[in-house]
PDB file of all heavy atoms in Angstrom:
ATOM      1  N   GLU A   1       3.663 100.035  64.035  1.00  0.00           N
ATOM      2  CA  GLU A   1       2.210  99.993  64.147  1.00  0.00           C
ATOM      3  C   GLU A   1       1.744  99.273  65.404  1.00  0.00           C
ATOM      4  O   GLU A   1       0.662  99.549  65.917  1.00  0.00           O
ATOM      5  CB  GLU A   1       1.588  99.310  62.922  1.00  0.00           C
ATOM      6  CG  GLU A   1       1.918  99.963  61.602  1.00  0.00           C
ATOM      7  CD  GLU A   1       3.186  99.387  60.977  1.00  0.00           C
ATOM      8  OE1 GLU A   1       3.895  98.609  61.629  1.00  0.00           O
ATOM      9  OE2 GLU A   1       3.464  99.733  59.808  1.00  0.00           O
ATOM     10  N   SER A   2       2.560  98.350  65.900  1.00  0.00           N
ATOM     11  CA  SER A   2       2.162  97.599  67.087  1.00  0.00           C
ATOM     12  C   SER A   2       2.047  98.494  68.320  1.00  0.00           C
ATOM     13  O   SER A   2       1.395  98.135  69.298  1.00  0.00           O
ATOM     14  CB  SER A   2       3.156  96.470  67.367  1.00  0.00           C
ATOM     15  OG  SER A   2       4.428  96.998  67.663  1.00  0.00           O
ATOM     16  N   ARG A   3       2.633  99.664  68.258  1.00  0.00           N
ATOM     17  CA  ARG A   3       2.567 100.595  69.383  1.00  0.00           C
ATOM     18  C   ARG A   3       1.547 101.710  69.161  1.00  0.00           C
ATOM     19  O   ARG A   3       1.354 102.558  70.029  1.00  0.00           O
ATOM     20  CB  ARG A   3       3.954 101.212  69.646  1.00  0.00           C
ATOM     21  CG  ARG A   3       4.983 100.147  70.038  1.00  0.00           C
ATOM     22  CD  ARG A   3       6.309 100.774  70.364  1.00  0.00           C
ATOM     23  NE  ARG A   3       6.208 101.677  71.517  1.00  0.00           N
ATOM     24  CZ  ARG A   3       7.206 102.441  71.940  1.00  0.00           C
ATOM     25  NH1 ARG A   3       8.358 102.432  71.325  1.00  0.00           N
ATOM     26  NH2 ARG A   3       7.031 103.237  72.977  1.00  0.00           N
ATOM     27  N   TRP A   4       0.922 101.726  67.992  1.00  0.00           N
ATOM     28  CA  TRP A   4      -0.066 102.768  67.708  1.00  0.00           C
ATOM     29  C   TRP A   4      -1.322 102.547  68.535  1.00  0.00           C
ATOM     30  O   TRP A   4      -1.674 101.412  68.866  1.00  0.00           O
ATOM     31  CB  TRP A   4      -0.436 102.780  66.224  1.00  0.00           C
ATOM     32  CG  TRP A   4       0.649 103.321  65.349  1.00  0.00           C
ATOM     33  CD1 TRP A   4       1.910 103.676  65.708  1.00  0.00           C
ATOM     34  CD2 TRP A   4       0.549 103.560  63.944  1.00  0.00           C
ATOM     35  NE1 TRP A   4       2.599 104.123  64.616  1.00  0.00           N
ATOM     36  CE2 TRP A   4       1.798 104.064  63.527  1.00  0.00           C
ATOM     37  CE3 TRP A   4      -0.470 103.397  63.012  1.00  0.00           C
ATOM     38  CZ2 TRP A   4       2.042 104.419  62.196  1.00  0.00           C
ATOM     39  CZ3 TRP A   4      -0.218 103.737  61.695  1.00  0.00           C
ATOM     40  CH2 TRP A   4       1.021 104.252  61.298  1.00  0.00           C
ATOM     41  N   ILE A   5      -2.009 103.643  68.822  1.00  0.00           N
ATOM     42  CA  ILE A   5      -3.253 103.547  69.576  1.00  0.00           C
ATOM     43  C   ILE A   5      -4.442 103.393  68.636  1.00  0.00           C
ATOM     44  O   ILE A   5      -4.396 103.819  67.484  1.00  0.00           O
ATOM     45  CB  ILE A   5      -3.457 104.798  70.472  1.00  0.00           C
ATOM     46  CG1 ILE A   5      -3.389 106.078  69.643  1.00  0.00           C
ATOM     47  CG2 ILE A   5      -2.420 104.808  71.594  1.00  0.00           C
ATOM     48  CD1 ILE A   5      -3.746 107.340  70.413  1.00  0.00           C
ATOM     49  N   ASP A   6      -5.487 102.768  69.152  1.00  0.00           N
ATOM     50  CA  ASP A   6      -6.761 102.630  68.441  1.00  0.00           C
ATOM     51  C   ASP A   6      -6.648 101.979  67.061  1.00  0.00           C
ATOM     52  O   ASP A   6      -7.214 102.449  66.079  1.00  0.00           O
ATOM     53  CB  ASP A   6      -7.469 103.992  68.337  1.00  0.00           C
ATOM     54  CG  ASP A   6      -7.816 104.545  69.713  1.00  0.00           C
ATOM     55  OD1 ASP A   6      -8.181 103.748  70.596  1.00  0.00           O
ATOM     56  OD2 ASP A   6      -7.719 105.770  69.911  1.00  0.00           O
ATOM     57  N   VAL A   7      -5.900 100.870  67.005  1.00  0.00           N
ATOM     58  CA  VAL A   7      -5.878 100.044  65.800  1.00  0.00           C
ATOM     59  C   VAL A   7      -6.977  98.999  65.982  1.00  0.00           C
ATOM     60  O   VAL A   7      -6.936  98.221  66.929  1.00  0.00           O
ATOM     61  CB  VAL A   7      -4.515  99.351  65.602  1.00  0.00           C
ATOM     62  CG1 VAL A   7      -4.553  98.434  64.377  1.00  0.00           C
ATOM     63  CG2 VAL A   7      -3.413 100.392  65.461  1.00  0.00           C
ATOM     64  N   LYS A   8      -7.973  99.013  65.111  1.00  0.00           N
ATOM     65  CA  LYS A   8      -9.122  98.125  65.282  1.00  0.00           C
ATOM     66  C   LYS A   8      -8.721  96.654  65.189  1.00  0.00           C
ATOM     67  O   LYS A   8      -8.164  96.226  64.178  1.00  0.00           O
ATOM     68  CB  LYS A   8     -10.187  98.439  64.229  1.00  0.00           C
ATOM     69  CG  LYS A   8     -11.423  97.562  64.377  1.00  0.00           C
ATOM     70  CD  LYS A   8     -12.661  98.294  63.955  1.00  0.00           C
ATOM     71  CE  LYS A   8     -13.886  97.497  64.316  1.00  0.00           C
ATOM     72  NZ  LYS A   8     -15.087  98.313  64.254  1.00  0.00           N
ATOM     73  N   ASP A   9      -9.004  95.916  66.234  1.00  0.00           N
ATOM     74  CA  ASP A   9      -8.704  94.475  66.301  1.00  0.00           C
ATOM     75  C   ASP A   9      -7.251  94.159  65.946  1.00  0.00           C
ATOM     76  O   ASP A   9      -6.951  93.053  65.508  1.00  0.00           O
ATOM     77  CB  ASP A   9      -9.632  93.681  65.368  1.00  0.00           C
ATOM     78  CG  ASP A   9     -11.104  93.854  65.739  1.00  0.00           C
ATOM     79  OD1 ASP A   9     -11.394  94.078  66.927  1.00  0.00           O
ATOM     80  OD2 ASP A   9     -11.950  93.771  64.838  1.00  0.00           O
ATOM     81  N   GLY A  10      -6.357  95.138  66.103  1.00  0.00           N
ATOM     82  CA  GLY A  10      -4.943  94.926  65.806  1.00  0.00           C
ATOM     83  C   GLY A  10      -4.646  94.708  64.328  1.00  0.00           C
ATOM     84  O   GLY A  10      -3.613  94.148  63.968  1.00  0.00           O
ATOM     85  N   ILE A  11      -5.556  95.168  63.458  1.00  0.00           N
ATOM     86  CA  ILE A  11      -5.423  94.912  62.023  1.00  0.00           C
ATOM     87  C   ILE A  11      -4.445  95.892  61.375  1.00  0.00           C
ATOM     88  O   ILE A  11      -4.714  97.085  61.266  1.00  0.00           O
ATOM     89  CB  ILE A  11      -6.795  94.984  61.319  1.00  0.00           C
ATOM     90  CG1 ILE A  11      -7.730  93.898  61.870  1.00  0.00           C
ATOM     91  CG2 ILE A  11      -6.629  94.825  59.806  1.00  0.00           C
ATOM     92  CD1 ILE A  11      -9.145  93.955  61.332  1.00  0.00           C
ATOM     93  N   ILE A  12      -3.300  95.359  60.952  1.00  0.00           N
ATOM     94  CA  ILE A  12      -2.284  96.152  60.247  1.00  0.00           C
ATOM     95  C   ILE A  12      -2.341  95.765  58.776  1.00  0.00           C
ATOM     96  O   ILE A  12      -2.291  94.590  58.433  1.00  0.00           O
ATOM     97  CB  ILE A  12      -0.887  95.894  60.839  1.00  0.00           C
ATOM     98  CG1 ILE A  12      -0.859  96.358  62.296  1.00  0.00           C
ATOM     99  CG2 ILE A  12       0.185  96.605  60.022  1.00  0.00           C
ATOM    100  CD1 ILE A  12       0.380  95.934  63.061  1.00  0.00           C
ATOM    101  N   CYS A  13      -2.473  96.762  57.910  1.00  0.00           N
ATOM    102  CA  CYS A  13      -2.731  96.507  56.486  1.00  0.00           C
ATOM    103  C   CYS A  13      -1.510  96.724  55.596  1.00  0.00           C
ATOM    104  O   CYS A  13      -1.598  96.630  54.384  1.00  0.00           O
ATOM    105  CB  CYS A  13      -3.876  97.389  56.005  1.00  0.00           C
ATOM    106  SG  CYS A  13      -5.424  97.094  56.897  1.00  0.00           S
ATOM    107  N   GLY A  14      -0.389  97.046  56.191  1.00  0.00           N
ATOM    108  CA  GLY A  14       0.815  97.294  55.417  1.00  0.00           C
ATOM    109  C   GLY A  14       1.720  98.232  56.174  1.00  0.00           C
ATOM    110  O   GLY A  14       1.442  98.582  57.317  1.00  0.00           O
ATOM    111  N   ASP A  15       2.788  98.654  55.529  1.00  0.00           N
ATOM    112  CA  ASP A  15       3.728  99.547  56.186  1.00  0.00           C
ATOM    113  C   ASP A  15       3.062 100.888  56.472  1.00  0.00           C
ATOM    114  O   ASP A  15       2.626 101.583  55.557  1.00  0.00           O
ATOM    115  CB  ASP A  15       4.966  99.734  55.301  1.00  0.00           C
ATOM    116  CG  ASP A  15       6.059 100.488  56.033  1.00  0.00           C
ATOM    117  OD1 ASP A  15       6.181 100.316  57.261  1.00  0.00           O
ATOM    118  OD2 ASP A  15       6.776 101.254  55.381  1.00  0.00           O
ATOM    119  N   CYS A  16       2.930 101.219  57.732  1.00  0.00           N
ATOM    120  CA  CYS A  16       2.330 102.497  58.154  1.00  0.00           C
ATOM    121  C   CYS A  16       0.841 102.593  57.800  1.00  0.00           C
ATOM    122  O   CYS A  16       0.298 103.698  57.713  1.00  0.00           O
ATOM    123  CB  CYS A  16       3.070 103.683  57.527  1.00  0.00           C
ATOM    124  SG  CYS A  16       4.407 104.294  58.553  1.00  0.00           S
ATOM    125  N   LYS A  17       0.195 101.471  57.561  1.00  0.00           N
ATOM    126  CA  LYS A  17      -1.223 101.485  57.171  1.00  0.00           C
ATOM    127  C   LYS A  17      -2.001 100.539  58.061  1.00  0.00           C
ATOM    128  O   LYS A  17      -1.672  99.352  58.153  1.00  0.00           O
ATOM    129  CB  LYS A  17      -1.351 101.070  55.704  1.00  0.00           C
ATOM    130  CG  LYS A  17      -2.750 101.206  55.136  1.00  0.00           C
ATOM    131  CD  LYS A  17      -2.738 100.861  53.653  1.00  0.00           C
ATOM    132  CE  LYS A  17      -4.101 101.040  53.021  1.00  0.00           C
ATOM    133  NZ  LYS A  17      -4.065 100.719  51.571  1.00  0.00           N
ATOM    134  N   VAL A  18      -3.033 101.076  58.721  1.00  0.00           N
ATOM    135  CA  VAL A  18      -3.812 100.264  59.654  1.00  0.00           C
ATOM    136  C   VAL A  18      -5.307 100.520  59.484  1.00  0.00           C
ATOM    137  O   VAL A  18      -5.718 101.497  58.856  1.00  0.00           O
ATOM    138  CB  VAL A  18      -3.439 100.581  61.125  1.00  0.00           C
ATOM    139  CG1 VAL A  18      -1.959 100.323  61.394  1.00  0.00           C
ATOM    140  CG2 VAL A  18      -3.818 102.007  61.501  1.00  0.00           C
ATOM    141  N   LEU A  19      -6.095  99.636  60.078  1.00  0.00           N
ATOM    142  CA  LEU A  19      -7.524  99.876  60.197  1.00  0.00           C
ATOM    143  C   LEU A  19      -7.718 100.658  61.491  1.00  0.00           C
ATOM    144  O   LEU A  19      -7.583 100.114  62.588  1.00  0.00           O
ATOM    145  CB  LEU A  19      -8.298  98.551  60.230  1.00  0.00           C
ATOM    146  CG  LEU A  19      -9.814  98.679  60.238  1.00  0.00           C
ATOM    147  CD1 LEU A  19     -10.317  99.396  58.985  1.00  0.00           C
ATOM    148  CD2 LEU A  19     -10.476  97.316  60.340  1.00  0.00           C
ATOM    149  N   ALA A  20      -7.958 101.942  61.351  1.00  0.00           N
ATOM    150  CA  ALA A  20      -8.055 102.838  62.501  1.00  0.00           C
ATOM    151  C   ALA A  20      -9.451 102.769  63.110  1.00  0.00           C
ATOM    152  O   ALA A  20     -10.452 102.790  62.392  1.00  0.00           O
ATOM    153  CB  ALA A  20      -7.742 104.263  62.077  1.00  0.00           C
ATOM    154  N   ASP A  21      -9.496 102.703  64.420  1.00  0.00           N
ATOM    155  CA  ASP A  21     -10.754 102.618  65.148  1.00  0.00           C
ATOM    156  C   ASP A  21     -11.114 103.991  65.727  1.00  0.00           C
ATOM    157  O   ASP A  21     -10.321 104.926  65.684  1.00  0.00           O
ATOM    158  CB  ASP A  21     -10.603 101.597  66.275  1.00  0.00           C
ATOM    159  CG  ASP A  21     -11.949 101.044  66.733  1.00  0.00           C
ATOM    160  OD1 ASP A  21     -12.984 101.413  66.148  1.00  0.00           O
ATOM    161  OD2 ASP A  21     -11.952 100.225  67.667  1.00  0.00           O
ATOM    162  N   LYS A  22     -12.319 104.098  66.246  1.00  0.00           N
ATOM    163  CA  LYS A  22     -12.805 105.310  66.921  1.00  0.00           C
ATOM    164  C   LYS A  22     -12.819 106.536  66.018  1.00  0.00           C
ATOM    165  O   LYS A  22     -12.620 107.664  66.471  1.00  0.00           O
ATOM    166  CB  LYS A  22     -11.978 105.589  68.183  1.00  0.00           C
ATOM    167  CG  LYS A  22     -12.056 104.444  69.187  1.00  0.00           C
ATOM    168  CD  LYS A  22     -11.373 104.793  70.479  1.00  0.00           C
ATOM    169  CE  LYS A  22     -11.492 103.630  71.445  1.00  0.00           C
ATOM    170  NZ  LYS A  22     -10.697 103.811  72.654  1.00  0.00           N
ATOM    171  N   MET A  23     -13.063 106.326  64.720  1.00  0.00           N
ATOM    172  CA  MET A  23     -13.122 107.471  63.809  1.00  0.00           C
ATOM    173  C   MET A  23     -14.342 108.335  64.114  1.00  0.00           C
ATOM    174  O   MET A  23     -14.312 109.546  63.956  1.00  0.00           O
ATOM    175  CB  MET A  23     -13.156 106.989  62.357  1.00  0.00           C
ATOM    176  CG  MET A  23     -11.892 106.252  61.927  1.00  0.00           C
ATOM    177  SD  MET A  23     -10.357 107.174  62.179  1.00  0.00           S
ATOM    178  CE  MET A  23     -10.420 108.308  60.799  1.00  0.00           C
ATOM    179  N   GLY A  24     -15.410 107.706  64.549  1.00  0.00           N
ATOM    180  CA  GLY A  24     -16.638 108.452  64.831  1.00  0.00           C
ATOM    181  C   GLY A  24     -16.532 109.347  66.039  1.00  0.00           C
ATOM    182  O   GLY A  24     -16.769 110.547  65.964  1.00  0.00           O
ATOM    183  N   GLN A  25     -16.149 108.782  67.173  1.00  0.00           N
ATOM    184  CA  GLN A  25     -16.206 109.555  68.409  1.00  0.00           C
ATOM    185  C   GLN A  25     -14.920 110.277  68.768  1.00  0.00           C
ATOM    186  O   GLN A  25     -14.914 111.126  69.639  1.00  0.00           O
ATOM    187  CB  GLN A  25     -16.629 108.650  69.581  1.00  0.00           C
ATOM    188  CG  GLN A  25     -15.662 107.525  69.917  1.00  0.00           C
ATOM    189  CD  GLN A  25     -15.929 106.234  69.186  1.00  0.00           C
ATOM    190  OE1 GLN A  25     -16.101 106.226  67.977  1.00  0.00           O
ATOM    191  NE2 GLN A  25     -15.939 105.125  69.912  1.00  0.00           N
ATOM    192  N   LYS A  26     -13.796 109.945  68.100  1.00  0.00           N
ATOM    193  CA  LYS A  26     -12.521 110.496  68.568  1.00  0.00           C
ATOM    194  C   LYS A  26     -11.745 111.258  67.505  1.00  0.00           C
ATOM    195  O   LYS A  26     -11.286 112.375  67.752  1.00  0.00           O
ATOM    196  CB  LYS A  26     -11.676 109.358  69.138  1.00  0.00           C
ATOM    197  CG  LYS A  26     -10.457 109.809  69.918  1.00  0.00           C
ATOM    198  CD  LYS A  26      -9.839 108.625  70.638  1.00  0.00           C
ATOM    199  CE  LYS A  26      -8.600 109.030  71.415  1.00  0.00           C
ATOM    200  NZ  LYS A  26      -7.959 107.881  72.085  1.00  0.00           N
ATOM    201  N   TYR A  27     -11.566 110.674  66.322  1.00  0.00           N
ATOM    202  CA  TYR A  27     -10.647 111.267  65.346  1.00  0.00           C
ATOM    203  C   TYR A  27     -11.339 111.967  64.185  1.00  0.00           C
ATOM    204  O   TYR A  27     -10.990 113.082  63.827  1.00  0.00           O
ATOM    205  CB  TYR A  27      -9.693 110.203  64.797  1.00  0.00           C
ATOM    206  CG  TYR A  27      -8.885 109.531  65.872  1.00  0.00           C
ATOM    207  CD1 TYR A  27      -9.169 108.228  66.259  1.00  0.00           C
ATOM    208  CD2 TYR A  27      -7.864 110.213  66.529  1.00  0.00           C
ATOM    209  CE1 TYR A  27      -8.436 107.614  67.267  1.00  0.00           C
ATOM    210  CE2 TYR A  27      -7.139 109.598  67.538  1.00  0.00           C
ATOM    211  CZ  TYR A  27      -7.428 108.307  67.899  1.00  0.00           C
ATOM    212  OH  TYR A  27      -6.714 107.701  68.893  1.00  0.00           O
ATOM    213  N   GLY A  28     -12.265 111.289  63.536  1.00  0.00           N
ATOM    214  CA  GLY A  28     -12.929 111.867  62.375  1.00  0.00           C
ATOM    215  C   GLY A  28     -12.135 111.686  61.098  1.00  0.00           C
ATOM    216  O   GLY A  28     -12.597 111.055  60.160  1.00  0.00           O
ATOM    217  N   THR A  29     -10.915 112.227  61.065  1.00  0.00           N
ATOM    218  CA  THR A  29     -10.097 112.164  59.853  1.00  0.00           C
ATOM    219  C   THR A  29      -8.844 111.322  60.077  1.00  0.00           C
ATOM    220  O   THR A  29      -8.379 111.172  61.211  1.00  0.00           O
ATOM    221  CB  THR A  29      -9.647 113.574  59.413  1.00  0.00           C
ATOM    222  OG1 THR A  29      -8.710 114.085  60.389  1.00  0.00           O
ATOM    223  CG2 THR A  29     -10.829 114.521  59.286  1.00  0.00           C
ATOM    224  N   CYS A  30      -8.300 110.811  58.989  1.00  0.00           N
ATOM    225  CA  CYS A  30      -7.038 110.076  59.098  1.00  0.00           C
ATOM    226  C   CYS A  30      -5.893 111.015  59.467  1.00  0.00           C
ATOM    227  O   CYS A  30      -4.925 110.601  60.095  1.00  0.00           O
ATOM    228  CB  CYS A  30      -6.736 109.332  57.795  1.00  0.00           C
ATOM    229  SG  CYS A  30      -7.653 107.773  57.603  1.00  0.00           S
ATOM    230  N   ARG A  31      -6.002 112.281  59.086  1.00  0.00           N
ATOM    231  CA  ARG A  31      -4.964 113.237  59.487  1.00  0.00           C
ATOM    232  C   ARG A  31      -4.882 113.308  61.014  1.00  0.00           C
ATOM    233  O   ARG A  31      -3.797 113.275  61.600  1.00  0.00           O
ATOM    234  CB  ARG A  31      -5.226 114.627  58.905  1.00  0.00           C
ATOM    235  CG  ARG A  31      -4.081 115.592  59.211  1.00  0.00           C
ATOM    236  CD  ARG A  31      -4.302 116.994  58.668  1.00  0.00           C
ATOM    237  NE  ARG A  31      -4.644 117.054  57.267  1.00  0.00           N
ATOM    238  CZ  ARG A  31      -3.784 116.902  56.257  1.00  0.00           C
ATOM    239  NH1 ARG A  31      -2.511 116.640  56.495  1.00  0.00           N
ATOM    240  NH2 ARG A  31      -4.184 117.000  55.018  1.00  0.00           N
ATOM    241  N   ALA A  32      -6.052 113.397  61.664  1.00  0.00           N
ATOM    242  CA  ALA A  32      -6.086 113.460  63.126  1.00  0.00           C
ATOM    243  C   ALA A  32      -5.591 112.150  63.738  1.00  0.00           C
ATOM    244  O   ALA A  32      -4.881 112.150  64.747  1.00  0.00           O
ATOM    245  CB  ALA A  32      -7.498 113.775  63.603  1.00  0.00           C
TER     246      ALA A  32
END
């Protein structure tokens, strides 16, 4: 997770689980 892009404030919530940022303007869905 430390290498993932757009993790909001670096918040990792568990194994493979993060607070994803830029959902509005970039991704929309967790699948994306």
